[in-house]
Amino acid sequence: MKHVLLALTVVSLTLGVRAGVQASAAAVGPKLDGQSIILTDAVTGQVLYARNAYVRRPVASTTKIMTAILVIENCGMDEIVTASEAPSKVPYTSLHLKPGEQVKVEDLLVSLMVRSANDVAVALAEHVGGTVSGFAQMMNDKAREIGAKNTHFVTPNGLYAPGHYSTAYDLALIARYALRLPHFNEIIATQSKKIKRSINTKDVLIQTRSKFIKHYLGADGIKSGYTKQSGYCYVGSATRGGWRLVSVVLDSFDSQADTAALMDYGFKHFQRVLLARRNQPVATVQVYGGSSELEVVPERQVHVTVKAGQADMARAETKIDQLRAPVKKGEKVGTMTAYVADKPVMTVDLNAAEDVDETSASAAWPWVRAIALLTMISIGAACGRAVAKGPGGGWGGLS
């Protein structure tokens, strides 16, 4: 496909814009015990409520979200992990792995996220990173990639260690990234599962103890945590009507109760405004030299979150390149940006919904032009000779 570098065609899809402050800034939050708190839209990342969200704190087993990300991205679910002696020496909650015990990655991930097994985190860290310190470096590199700038990991399980910290804001970023991974979503939604293991075959039932996941309407994750230094922590996720919120509560007397209250606040006081659906046409455009017009579709759903009753603050703007045939289905042809008032919230690519071929005349035109040009050169040369040649065959015009 050829993109002509000319002015962009701009199409505005507007539900109405009026002056005002973005909903998240105007919202008054609930009463919560947690010392650092944030509530965000899972897709757009819009912050609906925050308190001390950038304060660095120990984060206990919420660390395991990052551990799971790296395992999912670097291992097959059926891959076998052989435990070394190191996991058997890790304290507190565990799967009681024995040296030499073999377990599938998928079963270990369920044990990591649902039981919060500290020894499993070490076994997985050694399997992926070679050593715990090597894996910690991978964790920190991934945190930088995600944008978690106030995060530093030392252990794969979150047991207290100097220099191991994150923030509510960073944990929300990490959690939102993790939720893009299908395997992660499957694992955190697990409430009960029997795993297979090679040695300790009596300890195979993994069950959640999360009150939030068991009892909150729409709850679908993510991870609890506790150490003496961190207090009770919870990274939560809940979905209602296809709209997903992510919350983080750090250092609370009851982080799961805080999480439920925070989610209630979000679903009650805010609303999602759907601006475009994935692969549903948002515009029809002309293609230069094309045999037909082209429908363009967003590669994923486009929405924003606004304060309840303020849907008219949402709009979407599409920018589409001037296009030249041929265009292939699925090729990027522009972008769509969603706004709340005048603040951009998210941008997605727009793709061609179908192929657009060149017209027969358009396809032939370069050859026609070339033939015409050669003809003109030939005629021009003949005329030049006729003018220059004088009587008697001599070259005139010169004295």
Protein backbone atom coordinates (compact mmCIF):
# COMPACT_ATOMS: atom_id res chain seq x y z
CA MET A 1 0.00 0.00 0.00
CA LYS A 2 1.28 3.48 -0.80
CA HIS A 3 0.59 6.31 1.63
CA VAL A 4 0.71 9.77 0.10
CA LEU A 5 2.38 12.25 2.45
CA LEU A 6 -0.28 14.89 2.12
CA ALA A 7 -2.62 16.53 4.58
CA LEU A 8 -4.53 14.08 6.76
CA THR A 9 -8.25 13.60 6.35
CA VAL A 10 -9.82 14.27 9.73
CA VAL A 11 -13.18 12.85 10.71
CA SER A 12 -14.60 13.74 14.13
CA LEU A 13 -17.03 11.42 15.89
CA THR A 14 -18.38 13.50 18.74
CA LEU A 15 -20.86 12.88 21.51
CA GLY A 16 -20.51 16.53 22.43
CA VAL A 17 -17.80 18.53 24.13
CA ARG A 18 -18.35 21.13 26.82
CA ALA A 19 -16.09 22.98 29.17
CA GLY A 20 -15.38 21.21 32.41
CA VAL A 21 -12.86 19.42 34.53
CA GLN A 22 -12.14 15.76 33.81
CA ALA A 23 -14.37 13.55 35.91
CA SER A 24 -11.57 11.88 37.83
CA ALA A 25 -10.38 15.21 39.19
CA ALA A 26 -13.83 16.23 40.41
CA ALA A 27 -14.70 12.94 42.09
CA VAL A 28 -14.77 12.73 45.87
CA GLY A 29 -13.44 9.39 47.05
CA PRO A 30 -14.72 6.87 49.57
CA LYS A 31 -13.49 6.47 53.14
CA LEU A 32 -10.70 3.88 53.11
CA ASP A 33 -8.03 2.76 55.53
CA GLY A 34 -5.25 2.04 53.03
CA GLN A 35 -2.27 4.37 53.07
CA SER A 36 -1.69 4.28 49.28
CA ILE A 37 -4.63 3.79 46.95
CA ILE A 38 -5.50 4.02 43.28
CA LEU A 39 -8.47 3.10 41.09
CA THR A 40 -8.05 3.00 37.29
CA ASP A 41 -9.81 1.97 34.12
CA ALA A 42 -8.16 -1.31 33.14
CA VAL A 43 -7.89 -0.41 29.45
CA THR A 44 -7.37 3.34 29.25
CA GLY A 45 -5.48 3.75 32.51
CA GLN A 46 -7.60 6.75 33.49
CA VAL A 47 -7.23 7.44 37.20
CA LEU A 48 -10.64 7.59 38.89
CA TYR A 49 -9.35 8.00 42.43
CA ALA A 50 -5.90 8.18 44.02
CA ARG A 51 -4.27 8.87 47.38
CA ASN A 52 -0.52 8.74 48.00
CA ALA A 53 -0.30 6.72 44.78
CA TYR A 54 3.35 7.60 44.11
CA VAL A 55 4.74 6.78 47.56
CA ARG A 56 7.28 3.94 47.52
CA ARG A 57 6.34 1.08 49.84
CA PRO A 58 7.09 -2.62 50.39
CA VAL A 59 4.40 -4.50 48.48
CA ALA A 60 4.62 -8.10 49.75
CA SER A 61 3.17 -10.81 47.49
CA THR A 62 1.65 -8.39 44.97
CA THR A 63 5.21 -8.72 43.62
CA LYS A 64 4.14 -12.08 42.19
CA ILE A 65 2.17 -10.33 39.44
CA MET A 66 5.48 -9.41 37.82
CA THR A 67 6.85 -12.90 38.42
CA ALA A 68 3.84 -14.36 36.61
CA ILE A 69 4.26 -11.95 33.69
CA LEU A 70 7.83 -13.02 33.06
CA VAL A 71 7.05 -16.72 33.38
CA ILE A 72 4.13 -16.47 30.94
CA GLU A 73 6.20 -14.53 28.44
CA ASN A 74 9.19 -16.86 28.64
CA CYS A 75 7.74 -20.34 29.16
CA GLY A 76 5.25 -22.76 27.67
CA MET A 77 2.42 -23.76 29.98
CA ASP A 78 3.32 -27.46 29.61
CA GLU A 79 6.99 -26.85 30.28
CA ILE A 80 8.38 -28.85 33.22
CA VAL A 81 10.19 -27.12 36.08
CA THR A 82 12.59 -29.13 38.25
CA ALA A 83 12.96 -27.62 41.72
CA SER A 84 16.42 -27.12 43.17
CA GLU A 85 17.16 -27.23 46.89
CA ALA A 86 16.66 -23.47 47.27
CA PRO A 87 12.81 -23.42 47.15
CA SER A 88 12.59 -25.89 50.05
CA LYS A 89 14.36 -23.35 52.28
CA VAL A 90 11.94 -20.46 51.59
CA PRO A 91 9.74 -19.56 54.61
CA TYR A 92 6.00 -19.03 55.04
CA THR A 93 3.29 -19.94 52.52
CA SER A 94 4.53 -22.63 50.17
CA LEU A 95 3.79 -25.64 48.01
CA HIS A 96 6.40 -27.57 50.04
CA LEU A 97 8.45 -28.35 46.94
CA LYS A 98 11.06 -31.04 47.38
CA PRO A 99 14.50 -30.90 45.71
CA GLY A 100 14.19 -32.58 42.31
CA GLU A 101 10.40 -32.34 42.24
CA GLN A 102 8.94 -31.71 38.79
CA VAL A 103 5.79 -29.68 38.12
CA LYS A 104 4.31 -28.07 35.00
CA VAL A 105 4.61 -24.32 34.62
CA GLU A 106 0.83 -23.90 34.49
CA ASP A 107 0.35 -25.71 37.81
CA LEU A 108 3.13 -23.70 39.40
CA LEU A 109 1.56 -20.45 38.21
CA VAL A 110 -1.75 -21.42 39.82
CA SER A 111 0.13 -22.21 43.03
CA LEU A 112 1.98 -18.89 42.79
CA MET A 113 -1.06 -16.66 42.24
CA VAL A 114 -3.83 -18.54 44.07
CA ARG A 115 -1.99 -20.05 47.06
CA SER A 116 0.74 -17.37 46.94
CA ALA A 117 3.43 -20.02 47.35
CA ASN A 118 6.77 -18.34 48.09
CA ASP A 119 8.83 -21.43 47.25
CA VAL A 120 7.17 -21.66 43.84
CA ALA A 121 8.28 -18.10 43.08
CA VAL A 122 11.89 -19.10 43.68
CA ALA A 123 11.58 -22.28 41.58
CA LEU A 124 10.13 -20.31 38.69
CA ALA A 125 12.72 -17.55 39.07
CA GLU A 126 15.58 -20.05 38.83
CA HIS A 127 13.93 -21.77 35.87
CA VAL A 128 13.52 -18.55 33.88
CA GLY A 129 16.42 -16.41 35.08
CA GLY A 130 19.01 -18.98 36.09
CA THR A 131 19.34 -17.41 39.53
CA VAL A 132 17.06 -15.35 41.76
CA SER A 133 19.26 -12.29 41.24
CA GLY A 134 19.23 -12.82 37.48
CA PHE A 135 15.45 -13.05 37.54
CA ALA A 136 15.20 -9.92 39.71
CA GLN A 137 17.12 -8.06 37.01
CA MET A 138 14.60 -9.28 34.45
CA MET A 139 11.81 -8.04 36.73
CA ASN A 140 13.37 -4.60 36.96
CA ASP A 141 13.97 -4.42 33.22
CA LYS A 142 10.33 -5.32 32.61
CA ALA A 143 9.17 -2.72 35.11
CA ARG A 144 11.08 -0.04 33.18
CA GLU A 145 9.56 -1.29 29.92
CA ILE A 146 6.05 -1.06 31.34
CA GLY A 147 6.72 2.43 32.72
CA ALA A 148 6.90 1.55 36.42
CA LYS A 149 9.64 4.03 37.25
CA ASN A 150 9.30 3.91 41.03
CA THR A 151 9.61 0.15 41.35
CA HIS A 152 12.58 -2.01 42.27
CA PHE A 153 12.46 -5.75 42.86
CA VAL A 154 14.89 -7.87 44.86
CA THR A 155 12.91 -11.10 45.31
CA PRO A 156 10.38 -12.93 43.10
CA ASN A 157 7.92 -13.45 45.98
CA GLY A 158 7.86 -10.13 47.83
CA LEU A 159 9.23 -11.35 51.14
CA TYR A 160 10.70 -8.28 52.78
CA ALA A 161 14.11 -7.19 51.55
CA PRO A 162 15.76 -3.76 51.70
CA GLY A 163 15.41 -1.98 48.38
CA HIS A 164 12.34 -3.98 47.32
CA TYR A 165 9.48 -1.53 46.71
CA SER A 166 6.82 -0.23 44.38
CA THR A 167 3.93 2.27 44.42
CA ALA A 168 0.18 2.00 44.00
CA TYR A 169 0.45 3.71 40.62
CA ASP A 170 3.21 1.40 39.38
CA LEU A 171 1.40 -1.72 40.56
CA ALA A 172 -1.67 -0.60 38.63
CA LEU A 173 0.49 -0.25 35.51
CA ILE A 174 1.96 -3.70 36.04
CA ALA A 175 -1.44 -5.26 36.69
CA ARG A 176 -2.99 -3.66 33.60
CA TYR A 177 -0.11 -5.02 31.52
CA ALA A 178 -0.61 -8.50 32.99
CA LEU A 179 -4.32 -8.44 32.17
CA ARG A 180 -3.45 -8.30 28.46
CA LEU A 181 -2.10 -11.86 28.76
CA PRO A 182 -4.80 -14.54 28.30
CA HIS A 183 -2.99 -17.09 30.48
CA PHE A 184 -2.74 -14.58 33.30
CA ASN A 185 -6.48 -13.97 33.24
CA GLU A 186 -7.21 -17.68 33.30
CA ILE A 187 -4.93 -18.23 36.28
CA ILE A 188 -6.17 -15.37 38.47
CA ALA A 189 -9.80 -16.41 37.87
CA THR A 190 -9.08 -19.87 39.32
CA GLN A 191 -10.78 -20.52 42.65
CA SER A 192 -9.95 -24.21 42.98
CA LYS A 193 -7.74 -26.62 41.04
CA LYS A 194 -6.00 -29.94 41.53
CA ILE A 195 -2.46 -29.86 40.21
CA LYS A 196 -0.09 -32.69 39.28
CA ARG A 197 3.30 -33.10 40.93
CA SER A 198 5.97 -35.76 41.00
CA ILE A 199 6.82 -36.12 44.71
CA ASN A 200 4.52 -34.45 47.24
CA THR A 201 1.37 -35.97 45.72
CA LYS A 202 -0.85 -35.43 48.76
CA ASP A 203 -0.66 -31.63 48.54
CA VAL A 204 -2.36 -31.01 45.19
CA LEU A 205 -5.51 -28.96 45.91
CA ILE A 206 -5.04 -25.24 45.33
CA GLN A 207 -7.88 -23.04 46.61
CA THR A 208 -8.29 -19.30 46.90
CA ARG A 209 -8.77 -17.67 50.28
CA SER A 210 -9.60 -14.27 48.80
CA LYS A 211 -12.89 -12.94 50.18
CA PHE A 212 -12.93 -10.35 47.43
CA ILE A 213 -12.75 -12.92 44.62
CA LYS A 214 -15.26 -15.22 46.29
CA HIS A 215 -17.88 -12.67 47.25
CA TYR A 216 -17.60 -9.45 45.25
CA LEU A 217 -19.88 -9.21 42.20
CA GLY A 218 -17.72 -9.19 39.07
CA ALA A 219 -14.43 -9.83 40.87
CA ASP A 220 -11.85 -11.47 38.59
CA GLY A 221 -8.49 -10.96 40.33
CA ILE A 222 -5.79 -10.27 41.17
CA LYS A 223 -3.42 -10.69 44.16
CA SER A 224 -3.22 -10.21 47.90
CA GLY A 225 -0.11 -9.64 49.97
CA TYR A 226 1.07 -9.22 53.53
CA THR A 227 4.27 -8.78 55.46
CA LYS A 228 4.81 -6.98 58.74
CA GLN A 229 6.56 -4.16 56.90
CA SER A 230 3.99 -3.77 54.10
CA GLY A 231 0.74 -4.28 55.98
CA TYR A 232 -2.17 -5.84 54.11
CA CYS A 233 -2.10 -5.16 50.36
CA TYR A 234 -4.42 -6.01 47.51
CA VAL A 235 -4.36 -5.50 43.76
CA GLY A 236 -7.93 -6.00 42.59
CA SER A 237 -9.83 -6.36 39.34
CA ALA A 238 -13.58 -6.42 38.71
CA THR A 239 -15.65 -6.39 35.53
CA ARG A 240 -19.28 -5.36 35.10
CA GLY A 241 -21.03 -5.02 31.77
CA GLY A 242 -17.74 -5.53 29.96
CA TRP A 243 -16.13 -2.64 31.83
CA ARG A 244 -13.08 -3.54 33.91
CA LEU A 245 -11.55 -1.58 36.78
CA VAL A 246 -8.18 -2.17 38.45
CA SER A 247 -7.43 -1.04 41.98
CA VAL A 248 -4.44 -1.09 44.33
CA VAL A 249 -4.60 -0.79 48.12
CA LEU A 250 -1.35 -0.77 50.13
CA ASP A 251 -0.79 -0.86 53.89
CA SER A 252 -4.36 -1.34 55.11
CA PHE A 253 -5.93 -3.08 58.09
CA ASP A 254 -8.38 -4.71 55.65
CA SER A 255 -7.18 -4.31 52.10
CA GLN A 256 -9.89 -6.51 50.59
CA ALA A 257 -12.72 -4.55 52.24
CA ASP A 258 -11.04 -1.37 50.97
CA THR A 259 -10.86 -2.94 47.49
CA ALA A 260 -14.59 -3.76 47.49
CA ALA A 261 -15.46 -0.23 48.64
CA LEU A 262 -13.19 1.28 46.01
CA MET A 263 -14.79 -0.81 43.27
CA ASP A 264 -18.29 0.14 44.47
CA TYR A 265 -17.28 3.77 44.27
CA GLY A 266 -15.98 3.39 40.74
CA PHE A 267 -18.97 1.52 39.33
CA LYS A 268 -21.43 3.91 41.04
CA HIS A 269 -19.88 7.29 40.29
CA PHE A 270 -18.36 6.70 36.85
CA GLN A 271 -19.47 5.27 33.53
CA ARG A 272 -17.84 3.90 30.43
CA VAL A 273 -18.62 5.61 27.13
CA LEU A 274 -18.12 3.28 24.18
CA LEU A 275 -16.94 5.19 21.11
CA ALA A 276 -16.06 2.39 18.70
CA ARG A 277 -16.12 -1.39 18.67
CA ARG A 278 -13.28 -3.59 17.50
CA ASN A 279 -13.47 -4.34 13.76
CA GLN A 280 -16.69 -2.32 13.34
CA PRO A 281 -16.49 0.39 10.61
CA VAL A 282 -16.04 3.96 11.82
CA ALA A 283 -15.56 5.68 8.46
CA THR A 284 -15.66 5.15 4.70
CA VAL A 285 -12.92 6.84 2.67
CA GLN A 286 -11.87 7.28 -0.93
CA VAL A 287 -8.76 5.49 -2.17
CA TYR A 288 -6.90 7.18 -5.04
CA GLY A 289 -6.89 4.89 -8.05
CA GLY A 290 -9.02 2.33 -6.21
CA SER A 291 -11.81 0.16 -7.53
CA SER A 292 -14.03 0.92 -4.52
CA GLU A 293 -14.35 2.96 -1.35
CA LEU A 294 -12.72 1.64 1.82
CA GLU A 295 -14.25 1.02 5.24
CA VAL A 296 -11.83 1.49 8.14
CA VAL A 297 -12.08 -0.30 11.48
CA PRO A 298 -10.31 0.08 14.87
CA GLU A 299 -8.02 -2.77 15.86
CA ARG A 300 -9.54 -2.77 19.34
CA GLN A 301 -12.41 -1.26 21.27
CA VAL A 302 -12.28 2.47 21.93
CA HIS A 303 -13.85 3.85 25.09
CA VAL A 304 -13.33 6.42 27.82
CA THR A 305 -14.47 6.69 31.43
CA VAL A 306 -16.31 9.79 32.61
CA LYS A 307 -18.19 10.84 35.70
CA ALA A 308 -21.71 9.39 35.73
CA GLY A 309 -24.04 11.56 33.67
CA GLN A 310 -21.29 13.30 31.73
CA ALA A 311 -21.17 11.18 28.59
CA ASP A 312 -21.28 14.34 26.48
CA MET A 313 -17.69 15.07 27.48
CA ALA A 314 -16.48 12.12 25.39
CA ARG A 315 -15.51 12.21 21.75
CA ALA A 316 -13.32 10.41 19.26
CA GLU A 317 -11.34 11.79 16.36
CA THR A 318 -10.07 9.74 13.44
CA LYS A 319 -7.10 10.70 11.29
CA ILE A 320 -6.83 8.84 8.01
CA ASP A 321 -3.99 9.11 5.50
CA GLN A 322 -4.84 9.89 1.90
CA LEU A 323 -4.48 6.45 0.36
CA ARG A 324 -3.42 5.08 -3.01
CA ALA A 325 -4.49 1.66 -4.30
CA PRO A 326 -3.80 -1.13 -3.82
CA VAL A 327 -4.75 -1.40 -0.13
CA LYS A 328 -4.67 -4.74 1.67
CA LYS A 329 -7.11 -5.86 4.37
CA GLY A 330 -5.66 -5.33 7.84
CA GLU A 331 -3.15 -2.67 6.82
CA LYS A 332 -2.93 0.40 9.02
CA VAL A 333 -4.55 3.41 7.37
CA GLY A 334 -4.86 5.86 10.25
CA THR A 335 -5.57 6.31 13.95
CA MET A 336 -8.47 7.01 16.28
CA THR A 337 -7.96 9.04 19.45
CA ALA A 338 -10.50 9.18 22.28
CA TYR A 339 -10.84 12.34 24.34
CA VAL A 340 -12.50 13.44 27.56
CA ALA A 341 -13.11 17.13 26.95
CA ASP A 342 -9.85 18.14 25.25
CA LYS A 343 -7.62 15.62 26.97
CA PRO A 344 -6.52 12.60 24.89
CA VAL A 345 -7.12 9.31 26.69
CA MET A 346 -6.22 6.53 24.27
CA THR A 347 -5.18 6.08 20.64
CA VAL A 348 -5.68 2.95 18.53
CA ASP A 349 -4.73 2.07 14.97
CA LEU A 350 -7.34 2.05 12.22
CA ASN A 351 -7.04 -0.75 9.67
CA ALA A 352 -8.47 -1.49 6.25
CA ALA A 353 -11.59 -3.65 6.52
CA GLU A 354 -11.06 -5.20 3.08
CA ASP A 355 -8.81 -5.20 0.03
CA VAL A 356 -9.09 -2.35 -2.44
CA ASP A 357 -7.59 -3.14 -5.85
CA GLU A 358 -6.43 -0.72 -8.48
CA THR A 359 -8.89 0.05 -11.25
CA SER A 360 -7.91 -1.33 -14.66
CA ALA A 361 -7.37 2.18 -15.98
CA SER A 362 -5.28 3.09 -12.96
CA ALA A 363 -3.16 0.00 -13.31
CA ALA A 364 -2.58 0.67 -17.01
CA TRP A 365 -1.91 4.39 -16.59
CA PRO A 366 1.88 4.17 -15.98
CA TRP A 367 2.29 2.25 -19.26
CA VAL A 368 0.04 4.65 -21.16
CA ARG A 369 2.01 7.59 -19.82
CA ALA A 370 5.31 5.95 -20.77
CA ILE A 371 4.12 5.25 -24.34
CA ALA A 372 2.81 8.81 -24.68
CA LEU A 373 6.10 10.21 -23.46
CA LEU A 374 8.11 8.14 -25.95
CA THR A 375 5.79 9.27 -28.76
CA MET A 376 6.25 12.90 -27.78
CA ILE A 377 10.03 12.49 -27.76
CA SER A 378 9.95 10.89 -31.21
CA ILE A 379 7.72 13.61 -32.68
CA GLY A 380 9.86 16.29 -31.05
CA ALA A 381 13.02 14.87 -32.57
CA ALA A 382 11.49 14.74 -36.08
CA CYS A 383 10.25 18.31 -35.86
CA GLY A 384 13.68 19.45 -34.72
CA ARG A 385 15.31 17.93 -37.76
CA ALA A 386 12.76 19.50 -40.12
CA VAL A 387 13.37 22.96 -38.71
CA ALA A 388 17.15 22.68 -38.62
CA LYS A 389 17.67 21.23 -42.11
CA GLY A 390 17.83 23.90 -44.85
CA PRO A 391 17.44 23.70 -48.71
CA GLY A 392 19.76 21.36 -50.54
CA GLY A 393 20.19 19.15 -47.54
CA GLY A 394 22.55 21.47 -45.67
CA TRP A 395 22.02 22.51 -42.04
CA GLY A 396 20.52 25.99 -42.00
CA GLY A 397 20.22 28.58 -39.32
CA LEU A 398 23.99 29.06 -39.05
CA SER A 399 26.11 31.64 -40.79
